[in-house]
Protein backbone atom coordinates (compact mmCIF):
# COMPACT_ATOMS: atom_id res chain seq x y z
CA MET A 1 -14.17 -78.85 -7.50
CA GLY A 2 -11.81 -76.74 -9.42
CA PHE A 3 -15.44 -74.75 -10.94
CA SER A 4 -16.33 -74.37 -7.49
CA ILE A 5 -12.62 -72.94 -6.11
CA ILE A 6 -12.55 -70.05 -9.30
CA LEU A 7 -16.35 -69.44 -8.15
CA LYS A 8 -15.36 -68.65 -4.68
CA LYS A 9 -12.77 -66.48 -5.82
CA LEU A 10 -14.48 -64.64 -8.20
CA PHE A 11 -16.50 -64.11 -5.38
CA PHE A 12 -14.25 -63.10 -2.91
CA PHE A 13 -12.29 -60.36 -5.14
CA PHE A 14 -15.89 -58.96 -6.13
CA ILE A 15 -16.35 -58.58 -2.04
CA ILE A 16 -13.03 -57.00 -1.70
CA LEU A 17 -13.97 -54.44 -5.12
CA GLN A 18 -17.01 -53.62 -3.42
CA LEU A 19 -15.16 -52.54 -0.16
CA CYS A 20 -12.04 -51.03 -2.13
CA THR A 21 -14.66 -48.68 -3.86
CA ILE A 22 -16.50 -47.47 -0.93
CA PRO A 23 -15.33 -43.98 -0.17
CA THR A 24 -13.11 -43.35 2.81
CA PHE A 25 -13.44 -40.39 5.16
CA SER A 26 -9.88 -38.96 6.56
CA ALA A 27 -10.48 -37.01 9.18
CA PHE A 28 -10.87 -33.78 6.96
CA HIS A 29 -13.10 -34.52 4.35
CA VAL A 30 -14.72 -32.41 2.85
CA ILE A 31 -18.06 -33.50 2.23
CA SER A 32 -20.29 -34.98 3.70
CA SER A 33 -21.76 -38.79 4.15
CA GLU A 34 -25.26 -36.84 2.99
CA ASN A 35 -23.97 -34.90 0.53
CA ILE A 36 -22.31 -37.18 -1.10
CA PHE A 37 -25.05 -40.24 -0.93
CA ALA A 38 -27.86 -37.57 -2.13
CA PRO A 39 -29.17 -39.11 -5.24
CA PHE A 40 -28.60 -37.21 -7.79
CA GLN A 41 -31.73 -34.60 -9.74
CA THR A 42 -33.89 -35.93 -12.11
CA VAL A 43 -33.79 -32.63 -15.29
CA SER A 44 -37.07 -32.24 -15.60
CA SER A 45 -36.12 -30.38 -18.44
CA ALA A 46 -33.39 -29.25 -21.34
CA PRO A 47 -29.80 -28.91 -19.07
CA TYR A 48 -29.28 -25.71 -18.39
CA GLU A 49 -26.73 -23.66 -20.60
CA TYR A 50 -24.01 -22.02 -19.06
CA HIS A 51 -22.55 -19.39 -20.86
CA THR A 52 -19.60 -19.80 -22.66
CA TYR A 53 -16.63 -17.44 -22.77
CA ASP A 54 -17.32 -15.53 -25.91
CA SER A 55 -20.76 -14.79 -24.94
CA MET A 56 -20.01 -13.45 -21.11
CA THR A 57 -17.85 -11.65 -22.95
CA LEU A 58 -20.15 -10.27 -25.02
CA LEU A 59 -22.68 -9.65 -22.06
CA LEU A 60 -20.54 -8.09 -20.07
CA ASN A 61 -18.83 -5.42 -23.01
CA ASN A 62 -22.99 -4.37 -23.50
CA LEU A 63 -23.85 -4.28 -19.81
CA SER A 64 -20.97 -2.36 -19.25
CA GLN A 65 -22.06 0.18 -21.86
CA ALA A 66 -25.25 0.29 -21.81
CA HIS A 67 -24.43 1.38 -18.15
CA PRO A 68 -20.86 3.29 -17.93
CA ASP A 69 -22.19 4.85 -14.12
CA ILE A 70 -22.42 2.01 -12.13
CA MET A 71 -19.98 -0.92 -14.57
CA ARG A 72 -16.35 -0.50 -15.45
CA LEU A 73 -14.73 -3.54 -17.72
CA THR A 74 -11.48 -4.25 -17.91
CA SER A 75 -8.89 -6.95 -18.81
CA ILE A 76 -6.78 -7.67 -15.67
CA GLY A 77 -4.15 -9.83 -18.48
CA THR A 78 -4.64 -12.15 -20.89
CA THR A 79 -4.13 -16.60 -20.68
CA TYR A 80 -1.94 -18.96 -23.18
CA GLU A 81 -4.11 -19.05 -24.99
CA GLY A 82 -4.75 -15.17 -25.81
CA ARG A 83 -8.43 -14.81 -23.42
CA ASP A 84 -8.83 -11.75 -21.29
CA ILE A 85 -9.19 -11.78 -17.94
CA TRP A 86 -11.92 -9.93 -17.50
CA MET A 87 -12.91 -7.79 -13.97
CA VAL A 88 -15.78 -6.44 -13.26
CA LYS A 89 -15.99 -3.24 -11.18
CA LEU A 90 -19.59 -1.60 -10.06
CA SER A 91 -19.54 1.68 -8.21
CA GLU A 92 -21.42 4.46 -7.78
CA ASN A 93 -18.18 6.41 -8.39
CA VAL A 94 -16.55 3.41 -10.92
CA THR A 95 -14.78 5.59 -12.93
CA ARG A 96 -12.31 6.44 -9.77
CA ASP A 97 -10.81 4.74 -6.83
CA ASP A 98 -12.57 5.96 -3.71
CA ASP A 99 -11.22 4.76 0.00
CA GLU A 100 -14.23 3.08 0.14
CA PRO A 101 -14.26 -0.48 1.12
CA SER A 102 -13.69 -3.26 -1.06
CA VAL A 103 -15.01 -6.76 -1.95
CA LEU A 104 -13.69 -9.34 -4.39
CA PHE A 105 -15.28 -12.36 -6.00
CA MET A 106 -13.83 -14.76 -7.93
CA GLY A 107 -15.06 -17.62 -9.90
CA ALA A 108 -13.63 -20.50 -12.21
CA HIS A 109 -10.26 -21.27 -10.79
CA HIS A 110 -11.57 -24.68 -12.14
CA GLY A 111 -12.20 -24.39 -15.19
CA ASP A 112 -14.45 -27.56 -14.86
CA GLU A 113 -17.10 -25.55 -12.33
CA LYS A 114 -19.07 -23.70 -14.23
CA PRO A 115 -21.91 -22.68 -11.61
CA SER A 116 -19.22 -20.83 -10.04
CA PHE A 117 -18.70 -18.37 -12.63
CA GLU A 118 -22.63 -18.45 -12.95
CA VAL A 119 -23.93 -17.25 -10.32
CA LEU A 120 -21.26 -13.84 -10.17
CA ILE A 121 -22.90 -13.52 -13.88
CA PHE A 122 -25.59 -13.02 -12.37
CA PHE A 123 -24.91 -11.22 -9.30
CA ILE A 124 -23.62 -8.63 -12.13
CA ASN A 125 -27.20 -8.75 -13.35
CA TYR A 126 -29.17 -8.18 -10.83
CA ILE A 127 -27.23 -5.46 -9.75
CA ILE A 128 -27.42 -3.79 -12.69
CA ASP A 129 -31.27 -4.14 -12.92
CA THR A 130 -32.59 -3.46 -9.15
CA TYR A 131 -30.09 -0.22 -9.61
CA GLN A 132 -31.82 0.20 -12.58
CA MET A 133 -35.06 -0.49 -11.85
CA ASN A 134 -38.18 2.10 -11.34
CA SER A 135 -40.24 2.56 -8.80
CA ILE A 136 -42.44 5.85 -7.36
CA ASP A 137 -40.41 9.02 -6.16
CA ASP A 138 -42.68 10.31 -2.84
CA ASP A 139 -40.54 12.21 -1.39
CA GLY A 140 -38.34 13.54 -4.86
CA ASP A 141 -35.12 12.22 -3.74
CA GLU A 142 -34.91 10.70 -7.01
CA TYR A 143 -34.65 7.55 -5.37
CA SER A 144 -37.18 4.87 -5.18
CA ASP A 145 -39.08 4.86 -2.64
CA GLU A 146 -41.47 2.13 -3.16
CA SER A 147 -39.01 -1.01 -3.21
CA PRO A 148 -36.37 -1.96 -0.19
CA GLU A 149 -34.24 -3.96 -3.16
CA CYS A 150 -33.50 -1.18 -5.04
CA LYS A 151 -32.34 1.22 -1.80
CA ARG A 152 -30.46 -2.08 -0.64
CA VAL A 153 -28.49 -2.02 -3.83
CA ARG A 154 -28.22 2.18 -4.37
CA ASP A 155 -26.68 1.86 -0.51
CA ILE A 156 -24.50 -0.69 -1.31
CA LEU A 157 -22.89 0.57 -4.29
CA ASN A 158 -22.75 3.95 -3.12
CA THR A 159 -20.60 2.64 -0.25
CA THR A 160 -19.15 -0.11 -1.46
CA GLN A 161 -16.51 -0.95 -4.49
CA ILE A 162 -17.33 -4.53 -6.27
CA TYR A 163 -14.68 -6.31 -7.87
CA ILE A 164 -15.97 -9.25 -9.49
CA ILE A 165 -13.49 -12.03 -12.04
CA PRO A 166 -16.37 -13.99 -12.94
CA MET A 167 -13.22 -16.08 -14.60
CA VAL A 168 -10.45 -16.61 -13.46
CA ASN A 169 -9.33 -19.21 -16.15
CA PRO A 170 -10.89 -18.87 -19.33
CA ASP A 171 -9.40 -21.46 -20.65
CA GLY A 172 -9.82 -24.10 -18.61
CA VAL A 173 -13.61 -23.36 -19.06
CA GLU A 174 -13.96 -23.55 -22.91
CA TYR A 175 -11.17 -26.72 -22.70
CA GLY A 176 -13.82 -28.56 -20.09
CA TRP A 177 -11.37 -28.81 -17.92
CA ARG A 178 -9.74 -28.43 -14.66
CA LYS A 179 -6.75 -26.79 -15.17
CA ASN A 180 -5.57 -24.17 -17.73
CA ARG A 181 -4.23 -25.09 -20.80
CA GLU A 182 -0.42 -23.78 -20.71
CA PRO A 183 2.17 -26.34 -21.68
CA ASN A 184 3.95 -28.25 -19.64
CA TYR A 185 7.74 -29.24 -19.96
CA GLY A 186 8.10 -31.44 -17.74
CA ALA A 187 7.36 -31.17 -13.60
CA ASN A 188 10.16 -29.12 -13.59
CA GLY A 189 10.28 -26.86 -16.76
CA GLN A 190 13.76 -29.18 -18.32
CA SER A 191 12.25 -31.36 -20.54
CA THR A 192 12.75 -29.86 -24.56
CA ASN A 193 9.22 -31.78 -25.22
CA ILE A 194 5.65 -30.97 -24.50
CA THR A 195 5.01 -33.28 -21.37
CA SER A 196 1.58 -32.35 -20.17
CA TYR A 197 -0.87 -29.24 -20.41
CA GLY A 198 -2.19 -26.82 -17.19
CA VAL A 199 -1.68 -26.37 -13.89
CA ASP A 200 -4.13 -25.93 -10.60
CA LEU A 201 -4.63 -22.38 -10.42
CA ASN A 202 -5.95 -23.47 -6.78
CA ARG A 203 -1.91 -24.50 -6.27
CA ASN A 204 0.01 -22.22 -7.37
CA TYR A 205 -0.82 -19.14 -5.06
CA GLY A 206 2.99 -18.26 -3.07
CA TYR A 207 1.78 -18.63 0.12
CA MET A 208 4.07 -21.50 2.40
CA TRP A 209 5.07 -22.96 -0.68
CA ASN A 210 7.31 -25.56 0.49
CA ILE A 211 5.71 -26.26 3.28
CA VAL A 212 4.67 -29.37 1.26
CA TYR A 213 7.96 -30.87 1.46
CA LEU A 214 7.95 -31.22 4.89
CA PHE A 215 4.40 -33.19 5.52
CA PRO A 216 4.88 -34.59 1.68
CA GLU A 217 1.61 -37.39 2.57
CA ASN A 218 -0.15 -34.54 4.23
CA TYR A 219 -0.49 -33.11 0.85
CA PHE A 220 -0.15 -35.33 -1.28
CA LEU A 221 2.84 -34.23 -2.54
CA GLU A 222 3.43 -36.13 -5.21
CA TYR A 223 0.03 -35.56 -7.21
CA LEU A 224 1.09 -31.58 -6.72
CA LEU A 225 4.63 -32.34 -8.13
CA ASN A 226 3.01 -34.72 -10.88
CA ASP A 227 2.60 -32.43 -14.29
CA GLN A 228 -0.46 -34.91 -15.39
CA SER A 229 -2.36 -34.81 -12.13
CA TRP A 230 -5.36 -32.84 -11.51
CA ILE A 231 -3.83 -31.04 -8.68
CA TYR A 232 -0.50 -30.67 -10.26
CA ARG A 233 0.77 -26.86 -8.88
CA GLY A 234 2.99 -25.81 -11.40
CA GLU A 235 6.68 -25.13 -11.59
CA ALA A 236 6.87 -22.07 -9.07
CA PRO A 237 4.91 -19.86 -7.29
CA PHE A 238 2.35 -18.02 -9.56
CA SER A 239 3.95 -19.66 -12.85
CA GLU A 240 0.77 -18.56 -14.53
CA LYS A 241 -0.49 -16.02 -16.27
CA GLU A 242 -3.99 -16.11 -14.45
CA THR A 243 -2.85 -15.58 -11.34
CA GLN A 244 -0.11 -13.55 -11.95
CA ALA A 245 -2.92 -11.33 -13.37
CA VAL A 246 -4.37 -11.71 -10.05
CA LYS A 247 -1.46 -11.04 -7.91
CA ARG A 248 -1.17 -7.13 -9.65
CA PHE A 249 -5.20 -6.43 -9.24
CA ILE A 250 -4.84 -7.23 -4.96
CA GLU A 251 -1.85 -5.28 -4.95
CA ASN A 252 -1.89 -2.27 -6.28
CA HIS A 253 -6.23 -2.60 -4.00
CA ASP A 254 -6.79 -2.15 -1.03
CA ILE A 255 -10.08 -5.57 -0.81
CA SER A 256 -11.29 -6.43 2.52
CA ILE A 257 -12.95 -9.47 2.00
CA SER A 258 -12.36 -12.39 -0.69
CA LEU A 259 -14.75 -14.60 -1.98
CA SER A 260 -13.65 -16.85 -4.29
CA TYR A 261 -16.54 -19.53 -6.04
CA HIS A 262 -16.02 -23.37 -6.59
CA ASP A 263 -17.91 -26.32 -6.60
CA TYR A 264 -19.30 -29.26 -5.77
CA GLY A 265 -20.41 -30.24 -2.18
CA GLU A 266 -22.69 -26.98 -1.29
CA PHE A 267 -20.04 -26.43 1.74
CA MET A 268 -18.20 -23.27 2.92
CA ILE A 269 -14.05 -22.96 3.78
CA PHE A 270 -11.30 -20.49 5.34
CA PRO A 271 -7.83 -20.45 6.28
CA TRP A 272 -5.88 -22.17 6.46
CA MET A 273 -5.52 -23.96 4.48
CA HIS A 274 -2.48 -25.36 4.73
CA THR A 275 -2.69 -25.55 8.51
CA SER A 276 -5.88 -26.28 11.85
CA ARG A 277 -4.15 -23.97 13.84
CA HIS A 278 -6.70 -21.06 14.46
CA THR A 279 -6.07 -18.13 12.10
CA PRO A 280 -5.97 -14.56 14.28
CA HIS A 281 -9.68 -13.52 13.13
CA GLU A 282 -11.42 -17.40 13.80
CA SER A 283 -14.50 -15.50 15.37
CA LEU A 284 -14.59 -13.42 13.36
CA TYR A 285 -14.55 -15.86 10.07
CA ARG A 286 -16.53 -17.69 11.88
CA SER A 287 -19.53 -15.35 12.64
CA ILE A 288 -19.41 -14.18 8.29
CA GLY A 289 -19.65 -17.73 7.86
CA ALA A 290 -22.04 -18.45 10.39
CA ASN A 291 -24.00 -15.66 8.54
CA MET A 292 -23.98 -16.64 5.16
CA SER A 293 -24.84 -20.16 6.22
CA ASN A 294 -27.82 -18.97 7.18
CA ILE A 295 -29.31 -17.71 3.51
CA ASN A 296 -27.64 -20.58 2.06
CA ASN A 297 -28.46 -23.10 4.10
CA TYR A 298 -24.50 -24.55 2.94
CA GLU A 299 -22.31 -25.59 6.03
CA LEU A 300 -19.95 -24.11 7.41
CA LYS A 301 -16.70 -26.58 7.48
CA ILE A 302 -14.46 -25.70 10.53
CA TYR A 303 -11.34 -26.93 8.64
CA GLY A 304 -9.35 -30.11 10.34
CA GLN A 305 -11.18 -28.65 14.05
CA TYR A 306 -12.37 -30.97 16.44
CA GLY A 307 -14.04 -29.16 19.40
CA GLU A 308 -11.00 -26.59 21.20
CA ARG A 309 -8.45 -29.38 20.17
CA GLU A 310 -6.35 -27.25 17.11
CA TYR A 311 -3.63 -30.47 15.19
CA ILE A 312 0.04 -28.62 13.95
CA ILE A 313 -0.58 -29.73 10.26
CA PRO A 314 -3.97 -31.59 8.54
CA ARG A 315 -3.83 -34.88 8.59
CA TYR A 316 -4.77 -35.06 4.92
CA GLN A 317 -6.35 -32.79 2.16
CA GLY A 318 -4.61 -29.72 3.23
CA THR A 319 -4.04 -27.33 0.07
CA PRO A 320 -1.33 -25.10 0.06
CA GLY A 321 -1.06 -22.35 -3.15
CA SER A 322 -5.00 -22.27 -2.36
CA SER A 323 -6.61 -18.39 -3.22
CA GLU A 324 -7.89 -18.35 0.60
CA ASN A 325 -4.18 -19.19 1.84
CA TRP A 326 -2.20 -16.45 0.30
CA LEU A 327 -4.92 -13.42 0.42
CA TYR A 328 -5.24 -13.76 4.08
CA GLY A 329 -1.54 -14.93 4.66
CA GLU A 330 0.04 -12.56 2.43
CA HIS A 331 -2.38 -9.21 2.17
CA GLY A 332 -4.76 -9.46 5.30
CA ILE A 333 -7.68 -9.71 3.44
CA LEU A 334 -10.51 -12.36 5.11
CA ALA A 335 -11.05 -15.42 2.42
CA PHE A 336 -13.75 -17.76 1.65
CA THR A 337 -13.80 -20.77 -0.40
CA MET A 338 -17.93 -21.31 -1.86
CA GLU A 339 -18.52 -24.98 -3.07
CA LEU A 340 -21.56 -24.98 -4.78
CA CYS A 341 -24.53 -27.80 -5.58
CA ARG A 342 -24.64 -31.34 -5.01
CA ARG A 343 -22.86 -32.14 -8.15
CA ARG A 344 -20.44 -31.45 -11.13
CA PRO A 345 -21.90 -29.60 -12.90
CA GLU A 346 -25.22 -29.30 -12.17
CA ARG A 347 -27.21 -29.58 -14.91
CA ASN A 348 -31.01 -29.14 -13.53
CA PRO A 349 -32.02 -25.27 -14.57
CA SER A 350 -34.30 -24.21 -11.12
CA LEU A 351 -31.40 -26.13 -8.82
CA VAL A 352 -28.51 -24.04 -10.86
CA LEU A 353 -30.94 -20.73 -10.44
CA ASP A 354 -31.62 -21.50 -6.80
CA ALA A 355 -28.09 -21.04 -6.22
CA CYS A 356 -27.78 -18.14 -8.16
CA GLU A 357 -30.66 -16.67 -6.49
CA LYS A 358 -29.48 -17.63 -3.25
CA HIS A 359 -25.38 -16.29 -3.55
CA VAL A 360 -27.24 -12.84 -4.77
CA GLU A 361 -28.10 -12.69 -1.05
CA VAL A 362 -25.04 -13.84 0.05
CA ASN A 363 -23.51 -11.33 -2.31
CA LEU A 364 -24.84 -8.55 -0.46
CA TYR A 365 -24.72 -9.86 3.17
CA ILE A 366 -20.45 -9.54 2.13
CA CYS A 367 -20.57 -5.97 1.00
CA GLU A 368 -22.48 -5.06 3.82
CA ARG A 369 -20.48 -6.17 5.65
CA ALA A 370 -17.06 -5.37 4.70
CA GLN A 371 -18.40 -1.57 6.20
CA THR A 372 -17.76 -2.17 9.29
CA ILE A 373 -15.42 -5.40 8.28
CA GLU A 374 -11.44 -3.91 9.26
CA GLN A 375 -12.52 -2.22 12.35
CA GLU A 376 -13.72 -5.41 13.64
CA LYS A 377 -10.68 -6.93 12.71
CA HIS A 378 -8.92 -4.77 15.61
CA MET A 379 -11.79 -5.90 17.63
CA LYS A 380 -12.15 -9.71 17.58
CA GLU A 381 -8.72 -10.51 17.25
CA SER A 382 -8.24 -14.58 18.08
CA LYS A 383 -6.95 -15.16 21.71
CA ILE A 384 -3.98 -16.55 19.99
CA SER A 385 -2.74 -14.18 18.00
CA LYS A 386 0.27 -14.60 19.13
CA GLY A 387 0.01 -17.18 16.14
CA LEU A 388 -0.73 -15.84 13.32
CA PHE A 389 2.60 -16.46 11.26
CA PHE A 390 4.11 -19.39 14.04
CA ASP A 391 4.65 -21.55 10.61
CA ARG A 392 6.25 -17.73 9.18
CA ALA A 393 8.12 -17.07 11.79
CA LEU A 394 9.92 -20.06 12.03
CA PHE A 395 10.49 -20.90 8.69
CA HIS A 396 10.02 -17.96 6.88
CA ASN A 397 12.77 -18.18 4.11
CA PHE A 398 12.77 -22.16 3.47
CA LEU A 399 9.24 -22.16 3.33
CA ASN A 400 8.05 -19.10 1.34
CA VAL A 401 9.51 -18.51 -1.99
């Protein structure tokens, strides 16, 4: 009898364990169920070899030296471990800052999200190779007449300034984890000893910094403030060298659209990241997002949105401190997050290549859309534009540091 009872208890324990490990989907889940349960693709060849920081640095230096007419490589800052945060500029007038539409692409805020920088390295190579493409010049204008692809790239470089930060977090890339590598001395920096390492850089941007204290459960405050957590946001806004470097760059350049690459999930999101209220440029965001979705077949997430109903705050999974929130909230830059691939990291070479090729087209579209984006911002303001900085109007001194 005793043995039978033990078996029954083990059986019920097993059932409970299984129920506890089934993924739960809150109202604001960020990966569709078909993505979560999709089987991993079989790797039929050697796993894809991603660039290291050193191999990327060598490649970018070689490209900039070989093509100084259209590519400039500069460091916008250095990390705790002394690595340069490389910025690539692509333009036909690369040595000067023209009054042209500018776009910004970023990768590897999270060091373990390897496709996020690989697609940008691929894009840089594509632009240079296509620009240099030789073809027949039928009309004597020194441009290729046979290749629409070549003409498209030349037109973009002639009218757009493209800025690319392939690895925002090179220390994290080299260490192979999410956060950067600066030591923490307790969550508030008060300890005399190192208690952990690293900050989640995509929680360290300084827009609506204090809103987390108003709704601690919704924003997982205990994890944001725990320096050993994977989403630890740091002691203060822009406490990290990497986010400081991005901040300096943005404050000295006039950027119209930004696209930040992450992985995984094959979807796109846009602000707000702390609330599901509409942005003043909601229709414009949705238009750009839908067009990107038509290119890559990724899902455009209307974050926290159900039909026409808006919630003042997200129920769960809001991400204050994201680059997108700060870029849009402080600088009016239309900023998107692109989550690549179906697993982290993708190892199947054909699937990595597929992501790289798809997002060449996405990036080119962003460059072309930038030509009219400032005019569109004024023409397509949301009907609820009075709510643009609703939170800031009421709580500015408290919510922003």
